[in-house]
Amino acid sequence: MASANNVTELIFTGLFQGVEVQRACFVLFLPVYLATLLGNGLIVLTVSVSQSLRSPMYFFLGYLSLVEICYSSTVVPKFIADLLAKVKTISFKGCLAQIFCLHFFSVAEILLLVVMAYDRYVAICKPLHYMSIMSRQLCHMLLASSWLGGFLHSLVQILVTIPLPFCGPNVIDHYFCDLHPLFNLACTNTSVEGVIVLFNSGLISLFSFLTLLCSYVVILLSLRNHSAKGRHKALSTCASHITMVILFFGPATFLYVRPSSTYTEDKLVAVFFTVVTPMLNPIVYTLRNVEVKIAIKKLWGRKANAGMGK
């Protein structure tokens, strides 16, 4: 790679060109990122310490929030800092690291959403056997599988990218490193690599989407045999999960499960995907989940009492 690669530093064109617009974006996106850290961090802390949130559903919810923090932190801090920089640069190795982490955490999140759908299927369709099926050992195995799936997916993406020769130019038409914008800089035809990346991303997305679809079809059919109260509680929990699936799969499908392009819309969709969606996770789950809201209130109540005791 070293002999074929003369590029050691890459330059981002950024999201917008105007200085004033970039400053306005800084003022807008910095609070969004801080809200992402605060909201998801609060869920991780609440699930970790609350005795009332010990079920497998909240176990996975805590790790989903952790993944959201890691995923957002892969791109957003540098993006926000670059909004105030005249020249937005990143090293080539840093670019590869960003791509690896971005795809690692995004696929880990996709697989974690699938695991959470399976958890809801067992809870609703086999309630009497829920705790025996969703044992602590199985929960840890499913969690590890989601992390492993993300790692293997990212490894394929990087192994496809590393052998490509980059001899200039070194300007990426984006605000972070991703595969298609980087492929456009390669000094060779990348159609084969593009197909591999498309197949890699498309296979995971298709498998995950079909699994989620089948799970919720079965869940909705089984709810016909539940009481009105049971249906309402189950649908409330499932609605939060379905909302996150739509928010995540919609932009992800637009960006990765199609041939590469140079549409300006890609950047705007990527902003929603990388900046906004991670912030919405705690909002979606806490607003619709009574148990999480109660646990958060108890957590802050204990902290307030401890502070008054001092």
C-alpha atoms as a PDB file:
ATOM      1  CA  MET A   1       0.000   0.000   0.000  1.00  0.00           C
ATOM      2  CA  ALA A   2       2.809   2.429   0.861  1.00  0.00           C
ATOM      3  CA  SER A   3       4.392   2.299  -2.627  1.00  0.00           C
ATOM      4  CA  ALA A   4       1.068   2.891  -4.398  1.00  0.00           C
ATOM      5  CA  ASN A   5      -0.275   5.497  -2.000  1.00  0.00           C
ATOM      6  CA  ASN A   6       1.113   9.026  -2.167  1.00  0.00           C
ATOM      7  CA  VAL A   7      -1.738  10.528  -0.150  1.00  0.00           C
ATOM      8  CA  THR A   8      -1.050  10.947   3.571  1.00  0.00           C
ATOM      9  CA  GLU A   9      -3.608  13.657   4.303  1.00  0.00           C
ATOM     10  CA  LEU A  10      -7.151  14.246   3.104  1.00  0.00           C
ATOM     11  CA  ILE A  11      -9.185  17.460   2.984  1.00  0.00           C
ATOM     12  CA  PHE A  12     -12.950  17.632   3.549  1.00  0.00           C
ATOM     13  CA  THR A  13     -15.048  20.050   1.531  1.00  0.00           C
ATOM     14  CA  GLY A  14     -17.441  20.159   4.491  1.00  0.00           C
ATOM     15  CA  LEU A  15     -21.211  20.340   4.674  1.00  0.00           C
ATOM     16  CA  PHE A  16     -21.572  23.973   3.570  1.00  0.00           C
ATOM     17  CA  GLN A  17     -19.096  26.504   2.174  1.00  0.00           C
ATOM     18  CA  GLY A  18     -20.193  29.809   3.727  1.00  0.00           C
ATOM     19  CA  VAL A  19     -18.431  30.855   6.935  1.00  0.00           C
ATOM     20  CA  GLU A  20     -21.586  32.225   8.518  1.00  0.00           C
ATOM     21  CA  VAL A  21     -23.551  29.096   7.653  1.00  0.00           C
ATOM     22  CA  GLN A  22     -20.835  26.931   9.199  1.00  0.00           C
ATOM     23  CA  ARG A  23     -20.904  28.975  12.390  1.00  0.00           C
ATOM     24  CA  ALA A  24     -24.683  28.628  12.519  1.00  0.00           C
ATOM     25  CA  CYS A  25     -24.294  24.858  12.091  1.00  0.00           C
ATOM     26  CA  PHE A  26     -21.772  24.831  14.950  1.00  0.00           C
ATOM     27  CA  VAL A  27     -24.267  26.571  17.233  1.00  0.00           C
ATOM     28  CA  LEU A  28     -26.969  24.094  16.144  1.00  0.00           C
ATOM     29  CA  PHE A  29     -25.088  20.795  16.183  1.00  0.00           C
ATOM     30  CA  LEU A  30     -22.978  21.221  19.333  1.00  0.00           C
ATOM     31  CA  PRO A  31     -26.056  21.163  21.646  1.00  0.00           C
ATOM     32  CA  VAL A  32     -27.422  18.211  19.644  1.00  0.00           C
ATOM     33  CA  TYR A  33     -24.242  16.219  20.249  1.00  0.00           C
ATOM     34  CA  LEU A  34     -24.168  17.153  23.930  1.00  0.00           C
ATOM     35  CA  ALA A  35     -27.815  16.076  24.193  1.00  0.00           C
ATOM     36  CA  THR A  36     -26.860  12.767  22.562  1.00  0.00           C
ATOM     37  CA  LEU A  37     -24.161  12.162  25.165  1.00  0.00           C
ATOM     38  CA  LEU A  38     -26.357  13.263  28.053  1.00  0.00           C
ATOM     39  CA  GLY A  39     -29.506  11.410  27.010  1.00  0.00           C
ATOM     40  CA  ASN A  40     -27.892   8.123  26.052  1.00  0.00           C
ATOM     41  CA  GLY A  41     -25.486   8.327  28.989  1.00  0.00           C
ATOM     42  CA  LEU A  42     -28.443   8.772  31.329  1.00  0.00           C
ATOM     43  CA  ILE A  43     -30.084   5.622  29.946  1.00  0.00           C
ATOM     44  CA  VAL A  44     -26.838   3.633  30.321  1.00  0.00           C
ATOM     45  CA  LEU A  45     -26.465   4.837  33.926  1.00  0.00           C
ATOM     46  CA  THR A  46     -30.127   4.239  34.789  1.00  0.00           C
ATOM     47  CA  VAL A  47     -30.168   0.706  33.382  1.00  0.00           C
ATOM     48  CA  SER A  48     -26.883  -0.077  35.166  1.00  0.00           C
ATOM     49  CA  VAL A  49     -27.988   0.980  38.651  1.00  0.00           C
ATOM     50  CA  SER A  50     -31.775   0.536  38.645  1.00  0.00           C
ATOM     51  CA  GLN A  51     -33.065  -2.687  40.201  1.00  0.00           C
ATOM     52  CA  SER A  52     -36.389  -2.342  38.366  1.00  0.00           C
ATOM     53  CA  LEU A  53     -34.743  -2.470  34.921  1.00  0.00           C
ATOM     54  CA  ARG A  54     -33.180  -5.920  35.116  1.00  0.00           C
ATOM     55  CA  SER A  55     -35.102  -7.578  32.292  1.00  0.00           C
ATOM     56  CA  PRO A  56     -33.312  -8.503  29.028  1.00  0.00           C
ATOM     57  CA  MET A  57     -35.149  -5.701  27.190  1.00  0.00           C
ATOM     58  CA  TYR A  58     -33.437  -3.035  29.302  1.00  0.00           C
ATOM     59  CA  PHE A  59     -30.135  -4.890  29.176  1.00  0.00           C
ATOM     60  CA  PHE A  60     -30.183  -4.474  25.389  1.00  0.00           C
ATOM     61  CA  LEU A  61     -31.518  -0.913  25.636  1.00  0.00           C
ATOM     62  CA  GLY A  62     -28.542   0.086  27.779  1.00  0.00           C
ATOM     63  CA  TYR A  63     -26.107  -1.286  25.211  1.00  0.00           C
ATOM     64  CA  LEU A  64     -28.051   0.310  22.361  1.00  0.00           C
ATOM     65  CA  SER A  65     -27.526   3.686  24.042  1.00  0.00           C
ATOM     66  CA  LEU A  66     -23.835   2.885  24.510  1.00  0.00           C
ATOM     67  CA  VAL A  67     -23.512   2.073  20.802  1.00  0.00           C
ATOM     68  CA  GLU A  68     -25.272   5.346  19.946  1.00  0.00           C
ATOM     69  CA  ILE A  69     -22.692   7.275  21.995  1.00  0.00           C
ATOM     70  CA  CYS A  70     -19.780   5.480  20.321  1.00  0.00           C
ATOM     71  CA  TYR A  71     -21.263   5.775  16.836  1.00  0.00           C
ATOM     72  CA  SER A  72     -22.008   9.485  17.152  1.00  0.00           C
ATOM     73  CA  SER A  73     -18.573  10.176  18.663  1.00  0.00           C
ATOM     74  CA  THR A  74     -16.888   8.588  15.633  1.00  0.00           C
ATOM     75  CA  VAL A  75     -17.945  11.442  13.364  1.00  0.00           C
ATOM     76  CA  VAL A  76     -19.630  14.328  15.165  1.00  0.00           C
ATOM     77  CA  PRO A  77     -16.828  15.802  17.362  1.00  0.00           C
ATOM     78  CA  LYS A  78     -14.487  16.280  14.408  1.00  0.00           C
ATOM     79  CA  PHE A  79     -17.352  17.486  12.225  1.00  0.00           C
ATOM     80  CA  ILE A  80     -18.254  20.136  14.810  1.00  0.00           C
ATOM     81  CA  ALA A  81     -14.621  21.191  15.252  1.00  0.00           C
ATOM     82  CA  ASP A  82     -14.170  21.418  11.467  1.00  0.00           C
ATOM     83  CA  LEU A  83     -17.084  23.865  11.254  1.00  0.00           C
ATOM     84  CA  LEU A  84     -14.743  26.467  12.803  1.00  0.00           C
ATOM     85  CA  ALA A  85     -11.667  25.440  10.795  1.00  0.00           C
ATOM     86  CA  LYS A  86     -10.597  27.058   7.540  1.00  0.00           C
ATOM     87  CA  VAL A  87      -9.032  23.844   6.241  1.00  0.00           C
ATOM     88  CA  LYS A  88     -10.667  20.579   7.283  1.00  0.00           C
ATOM     89  CA  THR A  89      -8.031  17.841   7.210  1.00  0.00           C
ATOM     90  CA  ILE A  90      -7.616  14.257   8.392  1.00  0.00           C
ATOM     91  CA  SER A  91      -4.735  11.828   8.005  1.00  0.00           C
ATOM     92  CA  PHE A  92      -5.217   8.909   5.633  1.00  0.00           C
ATOM     93  CA  LYS A  93      -4.847   6.427   8.501  1.00  0.00           C
ATOM     94  CA  GLY A  94      -7.302   8.489  10.543  1.00  0.00           C
ATOM     95  CA  CYS A  95      -9.710   8.328   7.620  1.00  0.00           C
ATOM     96  CA  LEU A  96      -9.508   4.528   7.513  1.00  0.00           C
ATOM     97  CA  ALA A  97      -9.999   4.381  11.284  1.00  0.00           C
ATOM     98  CA  GLN A  98     -13.093   6.578  11.009  1.00  0.00           C
ATOM     99  CA  ILE A  99     -14.554   4.348   8.282  1.00  0.00           C
ATOM    100  CA  PHE A 100     -13.876   1.219  10.332  1.00  0.00           C
ATOM    101  CA  CYS A 101     -15.466   2.622  13.502  1.00  0.00           C
ATOM    102  CA  LEU A 102     -18.414   4.112  11.618  1.00  0.00           C
ATOM    103  CA  HIS A 103     -19.345   0.804   9.996  1.00  0.00           C
ATOM    104  CA  PHE A 104     -18.507  -1.210  13.091  1.00  0.00           C
ATOM    105  CA  PHE A 105     -20.889   0.679  15.347  1.00  0.00           C
ATOM    106  CA  SER A 106     -23.607   1.112  12.712  1.00  0.00           C
ATOM    107  CA  VAL A 107     -23.809  -2.612  11.942  1.00  0.00           C
ATOM    108  CA  ALA A 108     -23.539  -3.474  15.638  1.00  0.00           C
ATOM    109  CA  GLU A 109     -26.574  -1.232  16.160  1.00  0.00           C
ATOM    110  CA  ILE A 110     -28.490  -2.864  13.298  1.00  0.00           C
ATOM    111  CA  LEU A 111     -27.861  -6.334  14.716  1.00  0.00           C
ATOM    112  CA  LEU A 112     -28.710  -5.127  18.217  1.00  0.00           C
ATOM    113  CA  LEU A 113     -32.062  -3.872  16.910  1.00  0.00           C
ATOM    114  CA  VAL A 114     -32.657  -7.350  15.464  1.00  0.00           C
ATOM    115  CA  VAL A 115     -31.794  -8.902  18.833  1.00  0.00           C
ATOM    116  CA  MET A 116     -34.223  -6.535  20.553  1.00  0.00           C
ATOM    117  CA  ALA A 117     -36.955  -7.577  18.103  1.00  0.00           C
ATOM    118  CA  TYR A 118     -36.318 -11.219  18.992  1.00  0.00           C
ATOM    119  CA  ASP A 119     -36.526 -10.320  22.668  1.00  0.00           C
ATOM    120  CA  ARG A 120     -39.938  -8.692  22.093  1.00  0.00           C
ATOM    121  CA  TYR A 121     -41.074 -11.741  20.108  1.00  0.00           C
ATOM    122  CA  VAL A 122     -40.234 -14.086  22.990  1.00  0.00           C
ATOM    123  CA  ALA A 123     -41.759 -11.750  25.586  1.00  0.00           C
ATOM    124  CA  ILE A 124     -45.054 -11.406  23.730  1.00  0.00           C
ATOM    125  CA  CYS A 125     -45.442 -14.775  22.022  1.00  0.00           C
ATOM    126  CA  LYS A 126     -43.953 -16.988  24.745  1.00  0.00           C
ATOM    127  CA  PRO A 127     -44.429 -15.022  27.984  1.00  0.00           C
ATOM    128  CA  LEU A 128     -44.416 -18.052  30.302  1.00  0.00           C
ATOM    129  CA  HIS A 129     -41.002 -19.155  29.031  1.00  0.00           C
ATOM    130  CA  TYR A 130     -39.531 -15.666  28.589  1.00  0.00           C
ATOM    131  CA  MET A 131     -37.008 -15.700  31.436  1.00  0.00           C
ATOM    132  CA  SER A 132     -35.910 -19.274  30.771  1.00  0.00           C
ATOM    133  CA  ILE A 133     -35.364 -18.593  27.050  1.00  0.00           C
ATOM    134  CA  MET A 134     -33.811 -15.145  27.453  1.00  0.00           C
ATOM    135  CA  SER A 135     -31.297 -16.277  30.028  1.00  0.00           C
ATOM    136  CA  ARG A 136     -28.374 -14.092  31.014  1.00  0.00           C
ATOM    137  CA  GLN A 137     -26.039 -16.392  29.087  1.00  0.00           C
ATOM    138  CA  LEU A 138     -28.093 -16.085  25.888  1.00  0.00           C
ATOM    139  CA  CYS A 139     -28.333 -12.300  26.281  1.00  0.00           C
ATOM    140  CA  HIS A 140     -24.553 -12.010  26.505  1.00  0.00           C
ATOM    141  CA  MET A 141     -24.142 -14.331  23.507  1.00  0.00           C
ATOM    142  CA  LEU A 142     -26.575 -12.264  21.415  1.00  0.00           C
ATOM    143  CA  LEU A 143     -24.830  -9.051  22.465  1.00  0.00           C
ATOM    144  CA  ALA A 144     -21.415 -10.485  21.597  1.00  0.00           C
ATOM    145  CA  SER A 145     -22.778 -11.643  18.226  1.00  0.00           C
ATOM    146  CA  SER A 146     -23.904  -8.115  17.371  1.00  0.00           C
ATOM    147  CA  TRP A 147     -20.443  -6.733  18.196  1.00  0.00           C
ATOM    148  CA  LEU A 148     -18.770  -9.550  16.241  1.00  0.00           C
ATOM    149  CA  GLY A 149     -21.016  -8.964  13.237  1.00  0.00           C
ATOM    150  CA  GLY A 150     -20.113  -5.278  13.247  1.00  0.00           C
ATOM    151  CA  PHE A 151     -16.416  -6.088  13.468  1.00  0.00           C
ATOM    152  CA  LEU A 152     -16.475  -8.591  10.577  1.00  0.00           C
ATOM    153  CA  HIS A 153     -18.483  -6.207   8.402  1.00  0.00           C
ATOM    154  CA  SER A 154     -16.033  -3.354   9.032  1.00  0.00           C
ATOM    155  CA  LEU A 155     -13.069  -5.642   8.454  1.00  0.00           C
ATOM    156  CA  VAL A 156     -14.355  -6.510   4.976  1.00  0.00           C
ATOM    157  CA  GLN A 157     -14.893  -2.824   4.151  1.00  0.00           C
ATOM    158  CA  ILE A 158     -11.356  -1.914   5.217  1.00  0.00           C
ATOM    159  CA  LEU A 159      -9.713  -4.894   3.492  1.00  0.00           C
ATOM    160  CA  VAL A 160     -11.411  -3.820   0.269  1.00  0.00           C
ATOM    161  CA  THR A 161     -10.207  -0.226   0.685  1.00  0.00           C
ATOM    162  CA  ILE A 162      -6.585  -0.639   1.829  1.00  0.00           C
ATOM    163  CA  PRO A 163      -5.161  -2.107  -1.439  1.00  0.00           C
ATOM    164  CA  LEU A 164      -6.511   0.777  -3.541  1.00  0.00           C
ATOM    165  CA  PRO A 165      -3.902   3.259  -4.844  1.00  0.00           C
ATOM    166  CA  PHE A 166      -4.390   6.912  -3.889  1.00  0.00           C
ATOM    167  CA  CYS A 167      -2.066   9.266  -5.751  1.00  0.00           C
ATOM    168  CA  GLY A 168      -4.141  12.458  -5.699  1.00  0.00           C
ATOM    169  CA  PRO A 169      -6.289  14.509  -5.597  1.00  0.00           C
ATOM    170  CA  ASN A 170      -6.881  14.395  -1.847  1.00  0.00           C
ATOM    171  CA  VAL A 171     -10.136  16.375  -1.467  1.00  0.00           C
ATOM    172  CA  ILE A 172     -13.160  14.399  -0.203  1.00  0.00           C
ATOM    173  CA  ASP A 173     -16.517  15.858  -1.140  1.00  0.00           C
ATOM    174  CA  HIS A 174     -18.010  15.168   2.293  1.00  0.00           C
ATOM    175  CA  TYR A 175     -17.698  16.178   5.939  1.00  0.00           C
ATOM    176  CA  PHE A 176     -16.399  12.786   7.150  1.00  0.00           C
ATOM    177  CA  CYS A 177     -14.654   9.755   5.690  1.00  0.00           C
ATOM    178  CA  ASP A 178     -16.855   7.168   4.051  1.00  0.00           C
ATOM    179  CA  LEU A 179     -16.351   4.538   1.407  1.00  0.00           C
ATOM    180  CA  HIS A 180     -17.994   6.002  -1.701  1.00  0.00           C
ATOM    181  CA  PRO A 181     -16.426   9.486  -1.383  1.00  0.00           C
ATOM    182  CA  LEU A 182     -13.032   7.868  -0.737  1.00  0.00           C
ATOM    183  CA  PHE A 183     -13.417   5.511  -3.714  1.00  0.00           C
ATOM    184  CA  ASN A 184     -13.858   8.553  -5.947  1.00  0.00           C
ATOM    185  CA  LEU A 185     -10.255   9.556  -5.124  1.00  0.00           C
ATOM    186  CA  ALA A 186      -8.680   6.209  -6.022  1.00  0.00           C
ATOM    187  CA  CYS A 187      -6.344   6.151  -9.022  1.00  0.00           C
ATOM    188  CA  THR A 188      -8.059   3.089 -10.459  1.00  0.00           C
ATOM    189  CA  ASN A 189     -11.472   1.775 -11.369  1.00  0.00           C
ATOM    190  CA  THR A 190     -13.372   0.909  -8.179  1.00  0.00           C
ATOM    191  CA  SER A 191     -16.471  -0.677  -9.704  1.00  0.00           C
ATOM    192  CA  VAL A 192     -15.581  -4.127  -8.326  1.00  0.00           C
ATOM    193  CA  GLU A 193     -14.879  -2.714  -4.870  1.00  0.00           C
ATOM    194  CA  GLY A 194     -18.132  -0.777  -5.050  1.00  0.00           C
ATOM    195  CA  VAL A 195     -20.066  -3.978  -5.782  1.00  0.00           C
ATOM    196  CA  ILE A 196     -18.370  -5.769  -2.866  1.00  0.00           C
ATOM    197  CA  VAL A 197     -19.202  -2.934  -0.492  1.00  0.00           C
ATOM    198  CA  LEU A 198     -22.762  -2.779  -1.809  1.00  0.00           C
ATOM    199  CA  PHE A 199     -23.170  -6.539  -1.406  1.00  0.00           C
ATOM    200  CA  ASN A 200     -21.641  -6.507   2.080  1.00  0.00           C
ATOM    201  CA  SER A 201     -23.894  -3.711   3.291  1.00  0.00           C
ATOM    202  CA  GLY A 202     -26.923  -4.886   1.347  1.00  0.00           C
ATOM    203  CA  LEU A 203     -26.749  -8.448   2.635  1.00  0.00           C
ATOM    204  CA  ILE A 204     -26.703  -7.340   6.263  1.00  0.00           C
ATOM    205  CA  SER A 205     -29.448  -4.772   5.708  1.00  0.00           C
ATOM    206  CA  LEU A 206     -31.670  -7.229   3.822  1.00  0.00           C
ATOM    207  CA  PHE A 207     -31.207  -9.988   6.397  1.00  0.00           C
ATOM    208  CA  SER A 208     -31.871  -7.596   9.257  1.00  0.00           C
ATOM    209  CA  PHE A 209     -34.902  -6.005   7.609  1.00  0.00           C
ATOM    210  CA  LEU A 210     -36.521  -9.346   6.751  1.00  0.00           C
ATOM    211  CA  THR A 211     -35.879 -10.641  10.271  1.00  0.00           C
ATOM    212  CA  LEU A 212     -37.415  -7.522  11.792  1.00  0.00           C
ATOM    213  CA  LEU A 213     -40.373  -7.675   9.415  1.00  0.00           C
ATOM    214  CA  CYS A 214     -41.082 -11.345  10.160  1.00  0.00           C
ATOM    215  CA  SER A 215     -40.729 -10.764  13.905  1.00  0.00           C
ATOM    216  CA  TYR A 216     -43.262  -7.968  13.990  1.00  0.00           C
ATOM    217  CA  VAL A 217     -45.721  -9.724  11.688  1.00  0.00           C
ATOM    218  CA  VAL A 218     -45.718 -12.665  14.101  1.00  0.00           C
ATOM    219  CA  ILE A 219     -45.963 -10.322  17.106  1.00  0.00           C
ATOM    220  CA  LEU A 220     -48.903  -8.385  15.654  1.00  0.00           C
ATOM    221  CA  LEU A 221     -50.739 -11.595  14.784  1.00  0.00           C
ATOM    222  CA  SER A 222     -50.209 -13.014  18.268  1.00  0.00           C
ATOM    223  CA  LEU A 223     -51.518  -9.822  19.922  1.00  0.00           C
ATOM    224  CA  ARG A 224     -55.022 -10.671  18.713  1.00  0.00           C
ATOM    225  CA  ASN A 225     -55.209 -13.235  21.521  1.00  0.00           C
ATOM    226  CA  HIS A 226     -54.184 -10.744  24.224  1.00  0.00           C
ATOM    227  CA  SER A 227     -56.397  -8.534  26.352  1.00  0.00           C
ATOM    228  CA  ALA A 228     -56.849  -4.872  25.457  1.00  0.00           C
ATOM    229  CA  LYS A 229     -54.513  -3.864  28.292  1.00  0.00           C
ATOM    230  CA  GLY A 230     -51.913  -6.413  27.227  1.00  0.00           C
ATOM    231  CA  ARG A 231     -52.112  -5.269  23.605  1.00  0.00           C
ATOM    232  CA  HIS A 232     -51.662  -1.634  24.622  1.00  0.00           C
ATOM    233  CA  LYS A 233     -48.579  -2.378  26.741  1.00  0.00           C
ATOM    234  CA  ALA A 234     -47.010  -4.594  24.066  1.00  0.00           C
ATOM    235  CA  LEU A 235     -47.711  -2.120  21.267  1.00  0.00           C
ATOM    236  CA  SER A 236     -46.293   0.747  23.335  1.00  0.00           C
ATOM    237  CA  THR A 237     -42.996  -1.107  23.772  1.00  0.00           C
ATOM    238  CA  CYS A 238     -42.883  -2.278  20.168  1.00  0.00           C
ATOM    239  CA  ALA A 239     -43.736   1.188  18.841  1.00  0.00           C
ATOM    240  CA  SER A 240     -40.549   2.641  20.364  1.00  0.00           C
ATOM    241  CA  HIS A 241     -38.475  -0.099  18.792  1.00  0.00           C
ATOM    242  CA  ILE A 242     -40.149   0.205  15.390  1.00  0.00           C
ATOM    243  CA  THR A 243     -39.610   3.981  15.468  1.00  0.00           C
ATOM    244  CA  MET A 244     -35.858   3.521  16.017  1.00  0.00           C
ATOM    245  CA  VAL A 245     -35.729   0.900  13.258  1.00  0.00           C
ATOM    246  CA  ILE A 246     -37.333   3.321  10.785  1.00  0.00           C
ATOM    247  CA  LEU A 247     -35.106   6.219  11.858  1.00  0.00           C
ATOM    248  CA  PHE A 248     -32.007   4.055  11.452  1.00  0.00           C
ATOM    249  CA  PHE A 249     -32.817   1.935   8.399  1.00  0.00           C
ATOM    250  CA  GLY A 250     -34.279   4.737   6.292  1.00  0.00           C
ATOM    251  CA  PRO A 251     -31.149   6.916   5.991  1.00  0.00           C
ATOM    252  CA  ALA A 252     -28.811   3.886   6.126  1.00  0.00           C
ATOM    253  CA  THR A 253     -30.554   2.285   3.160  1.00  0.00           C
ATOM    254  CA  PHE A 254     -30.424   5.543   1.207  1.00  0.00           C
ATOM    255  CA  LEU A 255     -26.691   5.949   1.812  1.00  0.00           C
ATOM    256  CA  TYR A 256     -25.335   2.420   1.472  1.00  0.00           C
ATOM    257  CA  VAL A 257     -27.784   0.038  -0.191  1.00  0.00           C
ATOM    258  CA  ARG A 258     -27.552   1.644  -3.626  1.00  0.00           C
ATOM    259  CA  PRO A 259     -24.839   2.467  -6.165  1.00  0.00           C
ATOM    260  CA  SER A 260     -22.478   5.330  -5.337  1.00  0.00           C
ATOM    261  CA  SER A 261     -23.430   8.827  -6.454  1.00  0.00           C
ATOM    262  CA  THR A 262     -22.393  12.438  -6.112  1.00  0.00           C
ATOM    263  CA  TYR A 263     -25.790  13.750  -5.015  1.00  0.00           C
ATOM    264  CA  THR A 264     -25.674  16.632  -2.579  1.00  0.00           C
ATOM    265  CA  GLU A 265     -28.575  14.972  -0.769  1.00  0.00           C
ATOM    266  CA  ASP A 266     -26.148  12.340   0.541  1.00  0.00           C
ATOM    267  CA  LYS A 267     -24.572  14.877   2.888  1.00  0.00           C
ATOM    268  CA  LEU A 268     -27.905  16.056   4.239  1.00  0.00           C
ATOM    269  CA  VAL A 269     -29.123  12.495   4.818  1.00  0.00           C
ATOM    270  CA  ALA A 270     -25.797  11.690   6.480  1.00  0.00           C
ATOM    271  CA  VAL A 271     -26.312  14.594   8.903  1.00  0.00           C
ATOM    272  CA  PHE A 272     -29.600  13.092  10.023  1.00  0.00           C
ATOM    273  CA  PHE A 273     -28.028   9.633  10.191  1.00  0.00           C
ATOM    274  CA  THR A 274     -24.916  10.590  12.159  1.00  0.00           C
ATOM    275  CA  VAL A 275     -26.017  13.622  14.194  1.00  0.00           C
ATOM    276  CA  VAL A 276     -29.771  13.602  14.747  1.00  0.00           C
ATOM    277  CA  THR A 277     -30.759   9.913  15.004  1.00  0.00           C
ATOM    278  CA  PRO A 278     -28.442   9.090  17.955  1.00  0.00           C
ATOM    279  CA  MET A 279     -30.016  11.957  19.896  1.00  0.00           C
ATOM    280  CA  LEU A 280     -33.536  10.627  19.280  1.00  0.00           C
ATOM    281  CA  ASN A 281     -32.904   7.216  20.866  1.00  0.00           C
ATOM    282  CA  PRO A 282     -33.329   8.307  24.519  1.00  0.00           C
ATOM    283  CA  ILE A 283     -36.258  10.556  23.590  1.00  0.00           C
ATOM    284  CA  VAL A 284     -38.136   7.769  21.813  1.00  0.00           C
ATOM    285  CA  TYR A 285     -37.606   5.207  24.567  1.00  0.00           C
ATOM    286  CA  THR A 286     -38.112   7.415  27.626  1.00  0.00           C
ATOM    287  CA  LEU A 287     -41.198   9.227  26.361  1.00  0.00           C
ATOM    288  CA  ARG A 288     -43.020   5.968  25.619  1.00  0.00           C
ATOM    289  CA  ASN A 289     -41.685   3.806  28.444  1.00  0.00           C
ATOM    290  CA  VAL A 290     -43.180   4.386  31.876  1.00  0.00           C
ATOM    291  CA  GLU A 291     -40.709   2.103  33.679  1.00  0.00           C
ATOM    292  CA  VAL A 292     -37.689   3.954  32.304  1.00  0.00           C
ATOM    293  CA  LYS A 293     -39.167   7.330  33.296  1.00  0.00           C
ATOM    294  CA  ILE A 294     -39.886   6.085  36.816  1.00  0.00           C
ATOM    295  CA  ALA A 295     -36.371   4.650  37.145  1.00  0.00           C
ATOM    296  CA  ILE A 296     -34.816   7.948  36.000  1.00  0.00           C
ATOM    297  CA  LYS A 297     -36.903   9.912  38.513  1.00  0.00           C
ATOM    298  CA  LYS A 298     -35.836   7.536  41.305  1.00  0.00           C
ATOM    299  CA  LEU A 299     -32.195   7.827  40.254  1.00  0.00           C
ATOM    300  CA  TRP A 300     -32.268  11.623  40.347  1.00  0.00           C
ATOM    301  CA  GLY A 301     -34.265  11.510  43.573  1.00  0.00           C
ATOM    302  CA  ARG A 302     -31.527   9.455  45.242  1.00  0.00           C
ATOM    303  CA  LYS A 303     -28.846  11.821  43.962  1.00  0.00           C
ATOM    304  CA  ALA A 304     -30.778  14.832  45.247  1.00  0.00           C
ATOM    305  CA  ASN A 305     -31.276  13.232  48.672  1.00  0.00           C
ATOM    306  CA  ALA A 306     -27.600  12.289  48.820  1.00  0.00           C
ATOM    307  CA  GLY A 307     -26.656  15.874  47.996  1.00  0.00           C
ATOM    308  CA  MET A 308     -28.933  17.227  50.712  1.00  0.00           C
ATOM    309  CA  GLY A 309     -27.485  14.722  53.180  1.00  0.00           C
ATOM    310  CA  LYS A 310     -24.041  16.146  52.623  1.00  0.00           C
END
